[in-house]
Amino acid sequence: MANGMTALFYTQIESPIGPLLLAGGDDGLHELWFVEGRRKKKPNPEWQENAKPFAAAIKQLREYFAGKREDFDLPLVLNGTPFQVSVWRNLQRIPYGKTVSYLDIAKKVGNPKAVRAVGLANGSNPIPIIVPCHRVIGSNGSLTGFGGGLPTKQKLLALESRQLRLL
């Protein structure tokens, strides 16, 4: 989270996978949360409701859900440990429509034995969808945990494989 110096703003938007909560500041997007589901989140009472700082994020998310955007171009503030940030940066390199395993990411961050740690970092990703943790699956091809729930993960992967249009 912010160091107390930057005011954080938030807004909520509707999406084909349910309402999403966006939080951030002048420095960029800090969080994107599912309002419903396993890891649902409510705005912090210190945050101010204001959709203006999120105009670009909202536009790009709508384009993504409409199947018209494959990559996001937004300033992101990834607050985590150096290991978590390394995992999240590697998630951003997974191409649209592709999936990789936790082992693949562990190898990319230089520690093939860190599969569980990669899973934990993946699960604590503060900006899902934009930092595409939904593209990480089990080594055997199985869908594994996702903060928005497995049905949401399936919908995102289907959208990206163009098997299903959510809008």
C-alpha atoms as a PDB file:
ATOM      1  CA  MET A   1       0.000   0.000   0.000  1.00  0.00           C
ATOM      2  CA  ALA A   2       0.993   3.633  -0.135  1.00  0.00           C
ATOM      3  CA  ASN A   3       3.485   5.016   2.309  1.00  0.00           C
ATOM      4  CA  GLY A   4       0.967   7.510   3.655  1.00  0.00           C
ATOM      5  CA  MET A   5       2.303  10.341   1.466  1.00  0.00           C
ATOM      6  CA  THR A   6       0.067   9.685  -1.520  1.00  0.00           C
ATOM      7  CA  ALA A   7      -3.706   9.920  -1.388  1.00  0.00           C
ATOM      8  CA  LEU A   8      -5.292   6.767  -2.710  1.00  0.00           C
ATOM      9  CA  PHE A   9      -8.430   6.836  -4.780  1.00  0.00           C
ATOM     10  CA  TYR A  10     -10.804   4.086  -5.759  1.00  0.00           C
ATOM     11  CA  THR A  11     -13.663   3.329  -8.065  1.00  0.00           C
ATOM     12  CA  GLN A  12     -15.782   0.321  -8.844  1.00  0.00           C
ATOM     13  CA  ILE A  13     -16.697  -0.779 -12.369  1.00  0.00           C
ATOM     14  CA  GLU A  14     -18.954  -3.449 -13.756  1.00  0.00           C
ATOM     15  CA  SER A  15     -17.381  -6.148 -15.907  1.00  0.00           C
ATOM     16  CA  PRO A  16     -18.537  -9.375 -17.559  1.00  0.00           C
ATOM     17  CA  ILE A  17     -16.899 -11.282 -14.676  1.00  0.00           C
ATOM     18  CA  GLY A  18     -18.514  -9.169 -11.949  1.00  0.00           C
ATOM     19  CA  PRO A  19     -17.757  -5.843 -10.305  1.00  0.00           C
ATOM     20  CA  LEU A  20     -14.104  -4.822 -10.013  1.00  0.00           C
ATOM     21  CA  LEU A  21     -12.570  -2.429  -7.487  1.00  0.00           C
ATOM     22  CA  LEU A  22      -9.671  -0.288  -8.699  1.00  0.00           C
ATOM     23  CA  ALA A  23      -7.423   1.585  -6.267  1.00  0.00           C
ATOM     24  CA  GLY A  24      -4.460   3.811  -6.933  1.00  0.00           C
ATOM     25  CA  GLY A  25      -2.936   7.214  -6.851  1.00  0.00           C
ATOM     26  CA  ASP A  26      -1.277   9.764  -9.080  1.00  0.00           C
ATOM     27  CA  ASP A  27       1.617   7.315  -9.462  1.00  0.00           C
ATOM     28  CA  GLY A  28      -0.544   4.598 -11.034  1.00  0.00           C
ATOM     29  CA  LEU A  29      -2.804   1.660 -10.359  1.00  0.00           C
ATOM     30  CA  HIS A  30      -2.026  -0.062  -7.033  1.00  0.00           C
ATOM     31  CA  GLU A  31      -4.792  -2.656  -6.836  1.00  0.00           C
ATOM     32  CA  LEU A  32      -7.543  -4.333  -8.799  1.00  0.00           C
ATOM     33  CA  TRP A  33      -9.839  -6.558  -6.756  1.00  0.00           C
ATOM     34  CA  PHE A  34     -12.882  -8.686  -7.307  1.00  0.00           C
ATOM     35  CA  VAL A  35     -15.777  -7.253  -5.300  1.00  0.00           C
ATOM     36  CA  GLU A  36     -17.253 -10.748  -5.074  1.00  0.00           C
ATOM     37  CA  GLY A  37     -15.599 -14.152  -4.760  1.00  0.00           C
ATOM     38  CA  ARG A  38     -12.979 -15.827  -2.613  1.00  0.00           C
ATOM     39  CA  ARG A  39     -10.683 -12.812  -2.210  1.00  0.00           C
ATOM     40  CA  LYS A  40     -13.261 -10.049  -2.274  1.00  0.00           C
ATOM     41  CA  LYS A  41     -12.246  -6.649  -1.023  1.00  0.00           C
ATOM     42  CA  LYS A  42     -13.903  -3.436   0.063  1.00  0.00           C
ATOM     43  CA  PRO A  43     -12.385   0.051  -0.215  1.00  0.00           C
ATOM     44  CA  ASN A  44     -10.147   1.158   2.629  1.00  0.00           C
ATOM     45  CA  PRO A  45     -11.971   3.879   4.629  1.00  0.00           C
ATOM     46  CA  GLU A  46      -9.002   6.222   4.046  1.00  0.00           C
ATOM     47  CA  TRP A  47      -9.396   6.044   0.256  1.00  0.00           C
ATOM     48  CA  GLN A  48     -11.360   8.677  -1.637  1.00  0.00           C
ATOM     49  CA  GLU A  49     -13.897   7.646  -4.255  1.00  0.00           C
ATOM     50  CA  ASN A  50     -12.938   9.190  -7.588  1.00  0.00           C
ATOM     51  CA  ALA A  51     -13.127   7.525 -11.015  1.00  0.00           C
ATOM     52  CA  LYS A  52     -11.040  10.181 -12.838  1.00  0.00           C
ATOM     53  CA  PRO A  53      -7.587   8.705 -12.060  1.00  0.00           C
ATOM     54  CA  PHE A  54      -8.758   5.408 -13.564  1.00  0.00           C
ATOM     55  CA  ALA A  55     -10.029   6.619 -16.946  1.00  0.00           C
ATOM     56  CA  ALA A  56      -7.247   4.857 -18.897  1.00  0.00           C
ATOM     57  CA  ALA A  57      -7.527   1.652 -16.835  1.00  0.00           C
ATOM     58  CA  ILE A  58     -11.314   1.532 -17.288  1.00  0.00           C
ATOM     59  CA  LYS A  59     -10.992   2.132 -21.039  1.00  0.00           C
ATOM     60  CA  GLN A  60      -8.335  -0.585 -21.415  1.00  0.00           C
ATOM     61  CA  LEU A  61     -10.276  -3.082 -19.270  1.00  0.00           C
ATOM     62  CA  ARG A  62     -13.409  -2.522 -21.382  1.00  0.00           C
ATOM     63  CA  GLU A  63     -11.366  -3.055 -24.563  1.00  0.00           C
ATOM     64  CA  TYR A  64      -9.880  -6.233 -23.084  1.00  0.00           C
ATOM     65  CA  PHE A  65     -13.293  -7.650 -22.182  1.00  0.00           C
ATOM     66  CA  ALA A  66     -14.561  -6.749 -25.664  1.00  0.00           C
ATOM     67  CA  GLY A  67     -11.720  -8.792 -27.170  1.00  0.00           C
ATOM     68  CA  LYS A  68     -10.100  -5.666 -28.642  1.00  0.00           C
ATOM     69  CA  ARG A  69      -7.049  -5.401 -26.360  1.00  0.00           C
ATOM     70  CA  GLU A  70      -4.356  -7.977 -25.634  1.00  0.00           C
ATOM     71  CA  ASP A  71      -1.833  -5.882 -23.693  1.00  0.00           C
ATOM     72  CA  PHE A  72      -2.295  -3.232 -21.037  1.00  0.00           C
ATOM     73  CA  ASP A  73      -0.290  -0.027 -21.089  1.00  0.00           C
ATOM     74  CA  LEU A  74      -0.815   1.502 -17.659  1.00  0.00           C
ATOM     75  CA  PRO A  75       1.434   2.791 -14.882  1.00  0.00           C
ATOM     76  CA  LEU A  76       1.355   0.096 -12.191  1.00  0.00           C
ATOM     77  CA  VAL A  77       2.603   0.298  -8.625  1.00  0.00           C
ATOM     78  CA  LEU A  78       3.548  -3.219  -7.567  1.00  0.00           C
ATOM     79  CA  ASN A  79       3.990  -3.212  -3.798  1.00  0.00           C
ATOM     80  CA  GLY A  80       5.501  -6.475  -2.591  1.00  0.00           C
ATOM     81  CA  THR A  81       8.729  -8.208  -1.701  1.00  0.00           C
ATOM     82  CA  PRO A  82      11.483  -8.262  -4.331  1.00  0.00           C
ATOM     83  CA  PHE A  83      10.608 -11.927  -5.026  1.00  0.00           C
ATOM     84  CA  GLN A  84       6.890 -11.158  -5.454  1.00  0.00           C
ATOM     85  CA  VAL A  85       7.621  -8.220  -7.764  1.00  0.00           C
ATOM     86  CA  SER A  86       9.939 -10.447  -9.813  1.00  0.00           C
ATOM     87  CA  VAL A  87       7.142 -13.027 -10.182  1.00  0.00           C
ATOM     88  CA  TRP A  88       4.596 -10.336 -11.093  1.00  0.00           C
ATOM     89  CA  ARG A  89       6.937  -8.830 -13.707  1.00  0.00           C
ATOM     90  CA  ASN A  90       7.313 -12.299 -15.243  1.00  0.00           C
ATOM     91  CA  LEU A  91       3.537 -12.716 -15.289  1.00  0.00           C
ATOM     92  CA  GLN A  92       3.362  -9.562 -17.400  1.00  0.00           C
ATOM     93  CA  ARG A  93       5.524 -11.279 -20.034  1.00  0.00           C
ATOM     94  CA  ILE A  94       3.105 -14.194 -20.554  1.00  0.00           C
ATOM     95  CA  PRO A  95       1.577 -13.599 -23.994  1.00  0.00           C
ATOM     96  CA  TYR A  96      -2.152 -13.102 -24.386  1.00  0.00           C
ATOM     97  CA  GLY A  97      -3.904 -16.401 -25.025  1.00  0.00           C
ATOM     98  CA  LYS A  98      -1.018 -18.488 -23.631  1.00  0.00           C
ATOM     99  CA  THR A  99      -0.614 -20.301 -20.330  1.00  0.00           C
ATOM    100  CA  VAL A 100       2.486 -21.278 -18.389  1.00  0.00           C
ATOM    101  CA  SER A 101       3.037 -23.425 -15.301  1.00  0.00           C
ATOM    102  CA  TYR A 102       4.190 -22.346 -11.878  1.00  0.00           C
ATOM    103  CA  LEU A 103       7.393 -24.272 -12.614  1.00  0.00           C
ATOM    104  CA  ASP A 104       7.926 -22.198 -15.782  1.00  0.00           C
ATOM    105  CA  ILE A 105       7.723 -18.997 -13.711  1.00  0.00           C
ATOM    106  CA  ALA A 106       9.988 -20.452 -10.989  1.00  0.00           C
ATOM    107  CA  LYS A 107      12.610 -21.157 -13.656  1.00  0.00           C
ATOM    108  CA  LYS A 108      12.252 -17.634 -15.056  1.00  0.00           C
ATOM    109  CA  VAL A 109      12.883 -16.078 -11.630  1.00  0.00           C
ATOM    110  CA  GLY A 110      15.977 -18.257 -11.300  1.00  0.00           C
ATOM    111  CA  ASN A 111      14.799 -20.808  -8.740  1.00  0.00           C
ATOM    112  CA  PRO A 112      13.137 -23.947 -10.173  1.00  0.00           C
ATOM    113  CA  LYS A 113      12.570 -25.242  -6.619  1.00  0.00           C
ATOM    114  CA  ALA A 114      10.462 -22.202  -5.695  1.00  0.00           C
ATOM    115  CA  VAL A 115       7.237 -23.502  -7.260  1.00  0.00           C
ATOM    116  CA  ARG A 116       5.234 -23.100  -4.023  1.00  0.00           C
ATOM    117  CA  ALA A 117       6.670 -19.621  -3.423  1.00  0.00           C
ATOM    118  CA  VAL A 118       5.727 -18.682  -6.990  1.00  0.00           C
ATOM    119  CA  GLY A 119       2.207 -19.955  -6.292  1.00  0.00           C
ATOM    120  CA  LEU A 120       1.985 -17.821  -3.157  1.00  0.00           C
ATOM    121  CA  ALA A 121       3.305 -14.739  -4.991  1.00  0.00           C
ATOM    122  CA  ASN A 122       0.883 -15.411  -7.841  1.00  0.00           C
ATOM    123  CA  GLY A 123      -1.964 -15.653  -5.328  1.00  0.00           C
ATOM    124  CA  SER A 124      -1.051 -12.330  -3.733  1.00  0.00           C
ATOM    125  CA  ASN A 125      -0.885 -10.450  -7.049  1.00  0.00           C
ATOM    126  CA  PRO A 126      -2.527  -7.081  -6.273  1.00  0.00           C
ATOM    127  CA  ILE A 127      -3.499  -6.337  -9.894  1.00  0.00           C
ATOM    128  CA  PRO A 128      -5.044  -9.485 -11.431  1.00  0.00           C
ATOM    129  CA  ILE A 129      -6.159  -9.445 -15.086  1.00  0.00           C
ATOM    130  CA  ILE A 130      -3.750  -6.600 -15.904  1.00  0.00           C
ATOM    131  CA  VAL A 131      -0.897  -8.596 -14.316  1.00  0.00           C
ATOM    132  CA  PRO A 132      -2.232 -11.849 -15.798  1.00  0.00           C
ATOM    133  CA  CYS A 133      -1.947 -14.381 -12.971  1.00  0.00           C
ATOM    134  CA  HIS A 134      -4.909 -16.211 -14.535  1.00  0.00           C
ATOM    135  CA  ARG A 135      -2.498 -17.439 -17.247  1.00  0.00           C
ATOM    136  CA  VAL A 136      -0.614 -19.626 -14.749  1.00  0.00           C
ATOM    137  CA  ILE A 137      -1.819 -23.221 -14.477  1.00  0.00           C
ATOM    138  CA  GLY A 138      -0.619 -26.449 -12.906  1.00  0.00           C
ATOM    139  CA  SER A 139       2.189 -28.399 -14.596  1.00  0.00           C
ATOM    140  CA  ASN A 140      -0.371 -31.078 -15.467  1.00  0.00           C
ATOM    141  CA  GLY A 141      -2.556 -28.497 -17.245  1.00  0.00           C
ATOM    142  CA  SER A 142      -5.090 -28.205 -14.432  1.00  0.00           C
ATOM    143  CA  LEU A 143      -6.608 -24.890 -13.460  1.00  0.00           C
ATOM    144  CA  THR A 144      -5.515 -23.986  -9.968  1.00  0.00           C
ATOM    145  CA  GLY A 145      -6.579 -21.317  -7.497  1.00  0.00           C
ATOM    146  CA  PHE A 146      -7.540 -17.818  -8.536  1.00  0.00           C
ATOM    147  CA  GLY A 147      -8.651 -14.915  -6.357  1.00  0.00           C
ATOM    148  CA  GLY A 148     -11.684 -14.344  -8.536  1.00  0.00           C
ATOM    149  CA  GLY A 149     -12.624 -18.036  -8.397  1.00  0.00           C
ATOM    150  CA  LEU A 150     -11.991 -20.808 -10.915  1.00  0.00           C
ATOM    151  CA  PRO A 151     -15.091 -20.017 -13.038  1.00  0.00           C
ATOM    152  CA  THR A 152     -13.709 -16.479 -13.526  1.00  0.00           C
ATOM    153  CA  LYS A 153     -10.274 -17.883 -14.426  1.00  0.00           C
ATOM    154  CA  GLN A 154     -11.963 -20.170 -16.978  1.00  0.00           C
ATOM    155  CA  LYS A 155     -13.846 -17.196 -18.476  1.00  0.00           C
ATOM    156  CA  LEU A 156     -10.677 -15.105 -18.787  1.00  0.00           C
ATOM    157  CA  LEU A 157      -8.765 -17.950 -20.445  1.00  0.00           C
ATOM    158  CA  ALA A 158     -11.700 -18.642 -22.757  1.00  0.00           C
ATOM    159  CA  LEU A 159     -11.906 -14.948 -23.685  1.00  0.00           C
ATOM    160  CA  GLU A 160      -8.226 -14.967 -24.521  1.00  0.00           C
ATOM    161  CA  SER A 161      -8.473 -18.155 -26.544  1.00  0.00           C
ATOM    162  CA  ARG A 162     -11.390 -16.560 -28.402  1.00  0.00           C
ATOM    163  CA  GLN A 163     -13.672 -19.531 -27.618  1.00  0.00           C
ATOM    164  CA  LEU A 164     -16.086 -17.269 -25.829  1.00  0.00           C
ATOM    165  CA  ARG A 165     -17.019 -13.637 -26.031  1.00  0.00           C
ATOM    166  CA  LEU A 166     -17.988 -12.238 -22.652  1.00  0.00           C
ATOM    167  CA  LEU A 167     -19.589  -9.122 -24.110  1.00  0.00           C
END
